[in-house]
Amino acid sequence: MSESTIIELEMGLPEKEFGSVLPNASKPYIVQPTSTGFALQNDSGQSIIIDKTVLSPRALGSARIPRMKVVITFDGHDKTEVEAYMKRFNRYMHRGGG
C-alpha cells in the first residue's frame, strides 16, 4: 500500500449542498457521515476521509459566497486512483456561473 495522499481545497458552496452531491461525486465509494465530515470506502477496502470546516462567507459587495475548507485524505491509493477520484469529484462539485 502507498502512503496517504492529502488534498486541501477551499470550496464555495453550502455545507448542505456539498453533502447532497458527495455520494454521486464519490461513486463507487460508500459515503458515511462522521463527526467532522465523511468516511468513504470502496469494495477493495480503500478508504477516503473527507474533513470539512465551514468558514465565514466571502463578501463581494452585497453578495455573500459560502466557503468551506475540505481536506481529502486518501489511504492506500496510488497516484492514478487519486487523479481519477479527483476528476470525478471536481466534475460533480463544479458550479457553473454566468
PDB file of N, CA and C in Angstrom:
ATOM      1  N   MET A   1       0.839  -1.190   0.000  1.00  0.00           N
ATOM      2  CA  MET A   1       0.000   0.000   0.000  1.00  0.00           C
ATOM      3  C   MET A   1       0.875   1.242   0.000  1.00  0.00           C
ATOM      4  N   SER A   2       0.393   2.272  -0.639  1.00  0.00           N
ATOM      5  CA  SER A   2       1.120   3.523  -0.688  1.00  0.00           C
ATOM      6  C   SER A   2       0.788   4.364   0.536  1.00  0.00           C
ATOM      7  N   GLU A   3       1.552   5.421   0.727  1.00  0.00           N
ATOM      8  CA  GLU A   3       1.292   6.330   1.824  1.00  0.00           C
ATOM      9  C   GLU A   3       0.029   7.125   1.547  1.00  0.00           C
ATOM     10  N   SER A   4      -0.420   7.841   2.564  1.00  0.00           N
ATOM     11  CA  SER A   4      -1.606   8.678   2.401  1.00  0.00           C
ATOM     12  C   SER A   4      -1.297   9.878   1.520  1.00  0.00           C
ATOM     13  N   THR A   5      -2.285  10.268   0.748  1.00  0.00           N
ATOM     14  CA  THR A   5      -2.221  11.480  -0.055  1.00  0.00           C
ATOM     15  C   THR A   5      -3.264  12.425   0.504  1.00  0.00           C
ATOM     16  N   ILE A   6      -2.881  13.678   0.747  1.00  0.00           N
ATOM     17  CA  ILE A   6      -3.793  14.669   1.316  1.00  0.00           C
ATOM     18  C   ILE A   6      -3.953  15.826   0.338  1.00  0.00           C
ATOM     19  N   ILE A   7      -5.207  16.176   0.079  1.00  0.00           N
ATOM     20  CA  ILE A   7      -5.533  17.305  -0.794  1.00  0.00           C
ATOM     21  C   ILE A   7      -6.401  18.268   0.007  1.00  0.00           C
ATOM     22  N   GLU A   8      -6.005  19.542   0.047  1.00  0.00           N
ATOM     23  CA  GLU A   8      -6.781  20.574   0.738  1.00  0.00           C
ATOM     24  C   GLU A   8      -7.405  21.509  -0.292  1.00  0.00           C
ATOM     25  N   LEU A   9      -8.690  21.796  -0.111  1.00  0.00           N
ATOM     26  CA  LEU A   9      -9.428  22.657  -1.020  1.00  0.00           C
ATOM     27  C   LEU A   9     -10.203  23.707  -0.238  1.00  0.00           C
ATOM     28  N   GLU A  10     -10.419  24.858  -0.842  1.00  0.00           N
ATOM     29  CA  GLU A  10     -11.391  25.815  -0.329  1.00  0.00           C
ATOM     30  C   GLU A  10     -12.515  25.852  -1.350  1.00  0.00           C
ATOM     31  N   MET A  11     -13.711  25.518  -0.895  1.00  0.00           N
ATOM     32  CA  MET A  11     -14.833  25.382  -1.811  1.00  0.00           C
ATOM     33  C   MET A  11     -15.876  26.452  -1.517  1.00  0.00           C
ATOM     34  N   GLY A  12     -16.504  26.944  -2.566  1.00  0.00           N
ATOM     35  CA  GLY A  12     -17.512  27.984  -2.451  1.00  0.00           C
ATOM     36  C   GLY A  12     -18.911  27.437  -2.624  1.00  0.00           C
ATOM     37  N   LEU A  13     -19.324  26.576  -1.703  1.00  0.00           N
ATOM     38  CA  LEU A  13     -20.686  26.062  -1.755  1.00  0.00           C
ATOM     39  C   LEU A  13     -21.161  25.761  -0.347  1.00  0.00           C
ATOM     40  N   PRO A  14     -22.474  25.760  -0.135  1.00  0.00           N
ATOM     41  CA  PRO A  14     -23.009  25.494   1.200  1.00  0.00           C
ATOM     42  C   PRO A  14     -22.742  24.060   1.654  1.00  0.00           C
ATOM     43  N   GLU A  15     -22.609  23.891   2.952  1.00  0.00           N
ATOM     44  CA  GLU A  15     -22.342  22.576   3.546  1.00  0.00           C
ATOM     45  C   GLU A  15     -23.405  21.549   3.154  1.00  0.00           C
ATOM     46  N   LYS A  16     -24.667  21.948   3.164  1.00  0.00           N
ATOM     47  CA  LYS A  16     -25.756  21.021   2.832  1.00  0.00           C
ATOM     48  C   LYS A  16     -25.644  20.547   1.380  1.00  0.00           C
ATOM     49  N   GLU A  17     -25.333  21.468   0.473  1.00  0.00           N
ATOM     50  CA  GLU A  17     -25.189  21.105  -0.945  1.00  0.00           C
ATOM     51  C   GLU A  17     -24.012  20.146  -1.137  1.00  0.00           C
ATOM     52  N   PHE A  18     -22.906  20.398  -0.440  1.00  0.00           N
ATOM     53  CA  PHE A  18     -21.740  19.515  -0.520  1.00  0.00           C
ATOM     54  C   PHE A  18     -22.144  18.087  -0.140  1.00  0.00           C
ATOM     55  N   GLY A  19     -22.847  17.956   0.977  1.00  0.00           N
ATOM     56  CA  GLY A  19     -23.260  16.639   1.450  1.00  0.00           C
ATOM     57  C   GLY A  19     -24.227  15.928   0.527  1.00  0.00           C
ATOM     58  N   SER A  20     -25.071  16.691  -0.167  1.00  0.00           N
ATOM     59  CA  SER A  20     -26.036  16.046  -1.064  1.00  0.00           C
ATOM     60  C   SER A  20     -25.406  15.623  -2.395  1.00  0.00           C
ATOM     61  N   VAL A  21     -24.361  16.322  -2.834  1.00  0.00           N
ATOM     62  CA  VAL A  21     -23.696  15.993  -4.102  1.00  0.00           C
ATOM     63  C   VAL A  21     -22.627  14.909  -3.918  1.00  0.00           C
ATOM     64  N   LEU A  22     -22.057  14.829  -2.721  1.00  0.00           N
ATOM     65  CA  LEU A  22     -20.917  13.935  -2.474  1.00  0.00           C
ATOM     66  C   LEU A  22     -21.145  12.470  -2.862  1.00  0.00           C
ATOM     67  N   PRO A  23     -22.274  11.842  -2.551  1.00  0.00           N
ATOM     68  CA  PRO A  23     -22.429  10.421  -2.935  1.00  0.00           C
ATOM     69  C   PRO A  23     -22.261  10.174  -4.435  1.00  0.00           C
ATOM     70  N   ASN A  24     -22.831  11.021  -5.281  1.00  0.00           N
ATOM     71  CA  ASN A  24     -22.662  10.841  -6.725  1.00  0.00           C
ATOM     72  C   ASN A  24     -21.246  11.187  -7.165  1.00  0.00           C
ATOM     73  N   ALA A  25     -20.641  12.167  -6.518  1.00  0.00           N
ATOM     74  CA  ALA A  25     -19.277  12.566  -6.865  1.00  0.00           C
ATOM     75  C   ALA A  25     -18.261  11.506  -6.452  1.00  0.00           C
ATOM     76  N   SER A  26     -18.658  10.592  -5.576  1.00  0.00           N
ATOM     77  CA  SER A  26     -17.719   9.632  -4.997  1.00  0.00           C
ATOM     78  C   SER A  26     -17.957   8.186  -5.412  1.00  0.00           C
ATOM     79  N   LYS A  27     -18.857   7.948  -6.345  1.00  0.00           N
ATOM     80  CA  LYS A  27     -19.089   6.559  -6.766  1.00  0.00           C
ATOM     81  C   LYS A  27     -17.791   5.968  -7.292  1.00  0.00           C
ATOM     82  N   PRO A  28     -17.473   4.738  -6.984  1.00  0.00           N
ATOM     83  CA  PRO A  28     -18.253   3.673  -6.369  1.00  0.00           C
ATOM     84  C   PRO A  28     -18.075   3.563  -4.853  1.00  0.00           C
ATOM     85  N   TYR A  29     -17.581   4.595  -4.203  1.00  0.00           N
ATOM     86  CA  TYR A  29     -17.382   4.568  -2.750  1.00  0.00           C
ATOM     87  C   TYR A  29     -18.713   4.701  -2.019  1.00  0.00           C
ATOM     88  N   ILE A  30     -18.810   4.037  -0.881  1.00  0.00           N
ATOM     89  CA  ILE A  30     -19.948   4.181   0.022  1.00  0.00           C
ATOM     90  C   ILE A  30     -19.610   5.331   0.960  1.00  0.00           C
ATOM     91  N   VAL A  31     -20.519   6.295   1.102  1.00  0.00           N
ATOM     92  CA  VAL A  31     -20.282   7.501   1.895  1.00  0.00           C
ATOM     93  C   VAL A  31     -21.033   7.395   3.221  1.00  0.00           C
ATOM     94  N   GLN A  32     -20.306   7.564   4.320  1.00  0.00           N
ATOM     95  CA  GLN A  32     -20.890   7.564   5.655  1.00  0.00           C
ATOM     96  C   GLN A  32     -20.517   8.868   6.358  1.00  0.00           C
ATOM     97  N   PRO A  33     -21.495   9.551   6.971  1.00  0.00           N
ATOM     98  CA  PRO A  33     -21.165  10.778   7.695  1.00  0.00           C
ATOM     99  C   PRO A  33     -20.348  10.473   8.956  1.00  0.00           C
ATOM    100  N   THR A  34     -19.476  11.400   9.329  1.00  0.00           N
ATOM    101  CA  THR A  34     -18.706  11.327  10.572  1.00  0.00           C
ATOM    102  C   THR A  34     -18.906  12.643  11.313  1.00  0.00           C
ATOM    103  N   SER A  35     -18.312  12.765  12.474  1.00  0.00           N
ATOM    104  CA  SER A  35     -18.460  13.998  13.255  1.00  0.00           C
ATOM    105  C   SER A  35     -17.758  15.182  12.590  1.00  0.00           C
ATOM    106  N   THR A  36     -16.765  14.918  11.748  1.00  0.00           N
ATOM    107  CA  THR A  36     -16.018  16.009  11.111  1.00  0.00           C
ATOM    108  C   THR A  36     -16.213  16.078   9.599  1.00  0.00           C
ATOM    109  N   GLY A  37     -16.990  15.163   9.041  1.00  0.00           N
ATOM    110  CA  GLY A  37     -17.172  15.153   7.596  1.00  0.00           C
ATOM    111  C   GLY A  37     -17.752  13.844   7.115  1.00  0.00           C
ATOM    112  N   PHE A  38     -16.922  13.090   6.360  1.00  0.00           N
ATOM    113  CA  PHE A  38     -17.396  11.849   5.761  1.00  0.00           C
ATOM    114  C   PHE A  38     -16.282  10.816   5.684  1.00  0.00           C
ATOM    115  N   ALA A  39     -16.659   9.546   5.791  1.00  0.00           N
ATOM    116  CA  ALA A  39     -15.749   8.425   5.574  1.00  0.00           C
ATOM    117  C   ALA A  39     -16.265   7.664   4.360  1.00  0.00           C
ATOM    118  N   LEU A  40     -15.376   7.390   3.424  1.00  0.00           N
ATOM    119  CA  LEU A  40     -15.742   6.691   2.200  1.00  0.00           C
ATOM    120  C   LEU A  40     -14.948   5.398   2.119  1.00  0.00           C
ATOM    121  N   GLN A  41     -15.593   4.344   1.611  1.00  0.00           N
ATOM    122  CA  GLN A  41     -14.897   3.078   1.421  1.00  0.00           C
ATOM    123  C   GLN A  41     -15.432   2.398   0.173  1.00  0.00           C
ATOM    124  N   ASN A  42     -14.502   1.753  -0.572  1.00  0.00           N
ATOM    125  CA  ASN A  42     -14.934   1.026  -1.772  1.00  0.00           C
ATOM    126  C   ASN A  42     -14.874  -0.477  -1.518  1.00  0.00           C
ATOM    127  N   ASP A  43     -15.259  -1.266  -2.509  1.00  0.00           N
ATOM    128  CA  ASP A  43     -15.296  -2.725  -2.373  1.00  0.00           C
ATOM    129  C   ASP A  43     -13.917  -3.334  -2.176  1.00  0.00           C
ATOM    130  N   SER A  44     -12.867  -2.617  -2.586  1.00  0.00           N
ATOM    131  CA  SER A  44     -11.497  -3.113  -2.434  1.00  0.00           C
ATOM    132  C   SER A  44     -10.915  -2.812  -1.058  1.00  0.00           C
ATOM    133  N   GLY A  45     -11.686  -2.130  -0.210  1.00  0.00           N
ATOM    134  CA  GLY A  45     -11.212  -1.798   1.127  1.00  0.00           C
ATOM    135  C   GLY A  45     -10.425  -0.505   1.207  1.00  0.00           C
ATOM    136  N   GLN A  46     -10.319   0.219   0.104  1.00  0.00           N
ATOM    137  CA  GLN A  46      -9.634   1.501   0.138  1.00  0.00           C
ATOM    138  C   GLN A  46     -10.553   2.530   0.792  1.00  0.00           C
ATOM    139  N   SER A  47      -9.937   3.479   1.512  1.00  0.00           N
ATOM    140  CA  SER A  47     -10.754   4.471   2.190  1.00  0.00           C
ATOM    141  C   SER A  47     -10.289   5.882   1.882  1.00  0.00           C
ATOM    142  N   ILE A  48     -11.253   6.786   1.990  1.00  0.00           N
ATOM    143  CA  ILE A  48     -11.020   8.212   1.841  1.00  0.00           C
ATOM    144  C   ILE A  48     -11.716   8.886   3.014  1.00  0.00           C
ATOM    145  N   ILE A  49     -11.031   9.795   3.662  1.00  0.00           N
ATOM    146  CA  ILE A  49     -11.622  10.587   4.735  1.00  0.00           C
ATOM    147  C   ILE A  49     -11.747  12.018   4.231  1.00  0.00           C
ATOM    148  N   ILE A  50     -12.929  12.583   4.360  1.00  0.00           N
ATOM    149  CA  ILE A  50     -13.151  13.976   3.977  1.00  0.00           C
ATOM    150  C   ILE A  50     -13.559  14.747   5.218  1.00  0.00           C
ATOM    151  N   ASP A  51     -12.697  15.659   5.635  1.00  0.00           N
ATOM    152  CA  ASP A  51     -12.998  16.545   6.760  1.00  0.00           C
ATOM    153  C   ASP A  51     -13.379  17.900   6.202  1.00  0.00           C
ATOM    154  N   LYS A  52     -14.398  18.509   6.787  1.00  0.00           N
ATOM    155  CA  LYS A  52     -14.856  19.810   6.304  1.00  0.00           C
ATOM    156  C   LYS A  52     -14.976  20.788   7.460  1.00  0.00           C
ATOM    157  N   THR A  53     -14.669  22.038   7.164  1.00  0.00           N
ATOM    158  CA  THR A  53     -14.799  23.110   8.136  1.00  0.00           C
ATOM    159  C   THR A  53     -15.481  24.271   7.437  1.00  0.00           C
ATOM    160  N   VAL A  54     -16.611  24.704   7.977  1.00  0.00           N
ATOM    161  CA  VAL A  54     -17.316  25.841   7.404  1.00  0.00           C
ATOM    162  C   VAL A  54     -16.562  27.110   7.798  1.00  0.00           C
ATOM    163  N   LEU A  55     -16.268  27.936   6.813  1.00  0.00           N
ATOM    164  CA  LEU A  55     -15.565  29.198   7.020  1.00  0.00           C
ATOM    165  C   LEU A  55     -16.559  30.350   6.885  1.00  0.00           C
ATOM    166  N   SER A  56     -16.136  31.531   7.309  1.00  0.00           N
ATOM    167  CA  SER A  56     -17.006  32.696   7.142  1.00  0.00           C
ATOM    168  C   SER A  56     -17.184  32.970   5.648  1.00  0.00           C
ATOM    169  N   PRO A  57     -18.361  33.466   5.264  1.00  0.00           N
ATOM    170  CA  PRO A  57     -18.612  33.727   3.843  1.00  0.00           C
ATOM    171  C   PRO A  57     -17.676  34.798   3.291  1.00  0.00           C
ATOM    172  N   ARG A  58     -17.407  34.690   2.020  1.00  0.00           N
ATOM    173  CA  ARG A  58     -16.618  35.715   1.322  1.00  0.00           C
ATOM    174  C   ARG A  58     -17.592  36.778   0.848  1.00  0.00           C
ATOM    175  N   ALA A  59     -17.283  38.034   1.140  1.00  0.00           N
ATOM    176  CA  ALA A  59     -18.140  39.148   0.752  1.00  0.00           C
ATOM    177  C   ALA A  59     -17.589  39.823  -0.488  1.00  0.00           C
ATOM    178  N   LEU A  60     -18.417  39.914  -1.509  1.00  0.00           N
ATOM    179  CA  LEU A  60     -18.094  40.643  -2.737  1.00  0.00           C
ATOM    180  C   LEU A  60     -19.217  41.648  -2.938  1.00  0.00           C
ATOM    181  N   GLY A  61     -19.001  42.864  -2.480  1.00  0.00           N
ATOM    182  CA  GLY A  61     -20.073  43.848  -2.490  1.00  0.00           C
ATOM    183  C   GLY A  61     -21.174  43.370  -1.567  1.00  0.00           C
ATOM    184  N   SER A  62     -22.396  43.307  -2.066  1.00  0.00           N
ATOM    185  CA  SER A  62     -23.506  42.834  -1.242  1.00  0.00           C
ATOM    186  C   SER A  62     -23.686  41.317  -1.322  1.00  0.00           C
ATOM    187  N   ALA A  63     -22.935  40.667  -2.186  1.00  0.00           N
ATOM    188  CA  ALA A  63     -23.037  39.207  -2.334  1.00  0.00           C
ATOM    189  C   ALA A  63     -22.225  38.504  -1.251  1.00  0.00           C
ATOM    190  N   ARG A  64     -22.762  37.426  -0.734  1.00  0.00           N
ATOM    191  CA  ARG A  64     -22.079  36.594   0.255  1.00  0.00           C
ATOM    192  C   ARG A  64     -21.927  35.199  -0.348  1.00  0.00           C
ATOM    193  N   ILE A  65     -20.688  34.746  -0.482  1.00  0.00           N
ATOM    194  CA  ILE A  65     -20.411  33.441  -1.071  1.00  0.00           C
ATOM    195  C   ILE A  65     -19.976  32.504   0.046  1.00  0.00           C
ATOM    196  N   PRO A  66     -20.690  31.374   0.221  1.00  0.00           N
ATOM    197  CA  PRO A  66     -20.303  30.435   1.276  1.00  0.00           C
ATOM    198  C   PRO A  66     -18.913  29.873   1.010  1.00  0.00           C
ATOM    199  N   ARG A  67     -18.198  29.557   2.089  1.00  0.00           N
ATOM    200  CA  ARG A  67     -16.863  28.957   1.954  1.00  0.00           C
ATOM    201  C   ARG A  67     -16.742  27.774   2.899  1.00  0.00           C
ATOM    202  N   MET A  68     -16.005  26.794   2.447  1.00  0.00           N
ATOM    203  CA  MET A  68     -15.767  25.621   3.267  1.00  0.00           C
ATOM    204  C   MET A  68     -14.374  25.078   2.954  1.00  0.00           C
ATOM    205  N   LYS A  69     -13.615  24.774   3.997  1.00  0.00           N
ATOM    206  CA  LYS A  69     -12.321  24.115   3.823  1.00  0.00           C
ATOM    207  C   LYS A  69     -12.591  22.614   3.816  1.00  0.00           C
ATOM    208  N   VAL A  70     -12.054  21.934   2.809  1.00  0.00           N
ATOM    209  CA  VAL A  70     -12.244  20.493   2.662  1.00  0.00           C
ATOM    210  C   VAL A  70     -10.865  19.844   2.578  1.00  0.00           C
ATOM    211  N   VAL A  71     -10.630  18.859   3.433  1.00  0.00           N
ATOM    212  CA  VAL A  71      -9.373  18.112   3.431  1.00  0.00           C
ATOM    213  C   VAL A  71      -9.714  16.666   3.083  1.00  0.00           C
ATOM    214  N   ILE A  72      -9.165  16.197   1.967  1.00  0.00           N
ATOM    215  CA  ILE A  72      -9.431  14.843   1.482  1.00  0.00           C
ATOM    216  C   ILE A  72      -8.170  14.014   1.685  1.00  0.00           C
ATOM    217  N   THR A  73      -8.282  12.943   2.471  1.00  0.00           N
ATOM    218  CA  THR A  73      -7.151  12.060   2.763  1.00  0.00           C
ATOM    219  C   THR A  73      -7.408  10.696   2.132  1.00  0.00           C
ATOM    220  N   PHE A  74      -6.540  10.320   1.200  1.00  0.00           N
ATOM    221  CA  PHE A  74      -6.630   9.033   0.505  1.00  0.00           C
ATOM    222  C   PHE A  74      -5.703   8.052   1.197  1.00  0.00           C
ATOM    223  N   ASP A  75      -6.231   6.910   1.609  1.00  0.00           N
ATOM    224  CA  ASP A  75      -5.422   5.874   2.246  1.00  0.00           C
ATOM    225  C   ASP A  75      -5.349   4.668   1.319  1.00  0.00           C
ATOM    226  N   GLY A  76      -4.133   4.306   0.913  1.00  0.00           N
ATOM    227  CA  GLY A  76      -3.945   3.132   0.077  1.00  0.00           C
ATOM    228  C   GLY A  76      -4.256   3.326  -1.393  1.00  0.00           C
ATOM    229  N   HIS A  77      -4.173   4.545  -1.872  1.00  0.00           N
ATOM    230  CA  HIS A  77      -4.437   4.845  -3.283  1.00  0.00           C
ATOM    231  C   HIS A  77      -3.141   5.245  -3.976  1.00  0.00           C
ATOM    232  N   ASP A  78      -2.989   4.803  -5.219  1.00  0.00           N
ATOM    233  CA  ASP A  78      -1.837   5.281  -5.987  1.00  0.00           C
ATOM    234  C   ASP A  78      -2.216   6.583  -6.696  1.00  0.00           C
ATOM    235  N   LYS A  79      -1.240   7.184  -7.356  1.00  0.00           N
ATOM    236  CA  LYS A  79      -1.438   8.486  -7.993  1.00  0.00           C
ATOM    237  C   LYS A  79      -2.571   8.451  -9.018  1.00  0.00           C
ATOM    238  N   THR A  80      -2.651   7.396  -9.802  1.00  0.00           N
ATOM    239  CA  THR A  80      -3.681   7.274 -10.831  1.00  0.00           C
ATOM    240  C   THR A  80      -5.074   7.205 -10.206  1.00  0.00           C
ATOM    241  N   GLU A  81      -5.211   6.482  -9.114  1.00  0.00           N
ATOM    242  CA  GLU A  81      -6.505   6.365  -8.435  1.00  0.00           C
ATOM    243  C   GLU A  81      -6.931   7.700  -7.826  1.00  0.00           C
ATOM    244  N   VAL A  82      -5.988   8.427  -7.240  1.00  0.00           N
ATOM    245  CA  VAL A  82      -6.284   9.747  -6.666  1.00  0.00           C
ATOM    246  C   VAL A  82      -6.736  10.692  -7.777  1.00  0.00           C
ATOM    247  N   GLU A  83      -6.011  10.695  -8.886  1.00  0.00           N
ATOM    248  CA  GLU A  83      -6.367  11.572 -10.008  1.00  0.00           C
ATOM    249  C   GLU A  83      -7.749  11.231 -10.570  1.00  0.00           C
ATOM    250  N   ALA A  84      -8.062   9.952 -10.683  1.00  0.00           N
ATOM    251  CA  ALA A  84      -9.374   9.543 -11.203  1.00  0.00           C
ATOM    252  C   ALA A  84     -10.492   9.984 -10.256  1.00  0.00           C
ATOM    253  N   TYR A  85     -10.282   9.802  -8.948  1.00  0.00           N
ATOM    254  CA  TYR A  85     -11.292  10.232  -7.982  1.00  0.00           C
ATOM    255  C   TYR A  85     -11.487  11.743  -8.054  1.00  0.00           C
ATOM    256  N   MET A  86     -10.390  12.504  -8.069  1.00  0.00           N
ATOM    257  CA  MET A  86     -10.479  13.962  -8.065  1.00  0.00           C
ATOM    258  C   MET A  86     -11.112  14.492  -9.355  1.00  0.00           C
ATOM    259  N   LYS A  87     -10.896  13.823 -10.468  1.00  0.00           N
ATOM    260  CA  LYS A  87     -11.511  14.254 -11.726  1.00  0.00           C
ATOM    261  C   LYS A  87     -13.034  14.169 -11.610  1.00  0.00           C
ATOM    262  N   ARG A  88     -13.531  13.036 -11.101  1.00  0.00           N
ATOM    263  CA  ARG A  88     -14.977  12.880 -10.928  1.00  0.00           C
ATOM    264  C   ARG A  88     -15.499  13.842  -9.863  1.00  0.00           C
ATOM    265  N   PHE A  89     -14.802  13.953  -8.734  1.00  0.00           N
ATOM    266  CA  PHE A  89     -15.203  14.843  -7.640  1.00  0.00           C
ATOM    267  C   PHE A  89     -15.332  16.278  -8.149  1.00  0.00           C
ATOM    268  N   ASN A  90     -14.317  16.763  -8.855  1.00  0.00           N
ATOM    269  CA  ASN A  90     -14.342  18.136  -9.353  1.00  0.00           C
ATOM    270  C   ASN A  90     -15.444  18.355 -10.377  1.00  0.00           C
ATOM    271  N   ARG A  91     -15.702  17.375 -11.207  1.00  0.00           N
ATOM    272  CA  ARG A  91     -16.765  17.493 -12.212  1.00  0.00           C
ATOM    273  C   ARG A  91     -18.130  17.637 -11.529  1.00  0.00           C
ATOM    274  N   TYR A  92     -18.365  16.870 -10.477  1.00  0.00           N
ATOM    275  CA  TYR A  92     -19.656  16.933  -9.781  1.00  0.00           C
ATOM    276  C   TYR A  92     -19.781  18.159  -8.882  1.00  0.00           C
ATOM    277  N   MET A  93     -18.670  18.621  -8.340  1.00  0.00           N
ATOM    278  CA  MET A  93     -18.722  19.761  -7.413  1.00  0.00           C
ATOM    279  C   MET A  93     -18.634  21.107  -8.125  1.00  0.00           C
ATOM    280  N   HIS A  94     -18.293  21.102  -9.407  1.00  0.00           N
ATOM    281  CA  HIS A  94     -18.165  22.350 -10.149  1.00  0.00           C
ATOM    282  C   HIS A  94     -19.514  23.056 -10.246  1.00  0.00           C
ATOM    283  N   ARG A  95     -19.482  24.344  -9.974  1.00  0.00           N
ATOM    284  CA  ARG A  95     -20.700  25.150 -10.080  1.00  0.00           C
ATOM    285  C   ARG A  95     -20.521  26.134 -11.217  1.00  0.00           C
ATOM    286  N   GLY A  96     -21.374  26.040 -12.186  1.00  0.00           N
ATOM    287  CA  GLY A  96     -21.299  26.955 -13.328  1.00  0.00           C
ATOM    288  C   GLY A  96     -21.752  28.351 -12.948  1.00  0.00           C
ATOM    289  N   GLY A  97     -21.228  29.311 -13.625  1.00  0.00           N
ATOM    290  CA  GLY A  97     -21.633  30.697 -13.399  1.00  0.00           C
ATOM    291  C   GLY A  97     -21.931  31.354 -14.724  1.00  0.00           C
ATOM    292  N   GLY A  98     -22.465  32.535 -14.666  1.00  0.00           N
ATOM    293  CA  GLY A  98     -22.728  33.162 -15.930  1.00  0.00           C
ATOM    294  C   GLY A  98     -23.217  34.567 -15.792  1.00  0.00           C
TER     295      GLY A  98
END
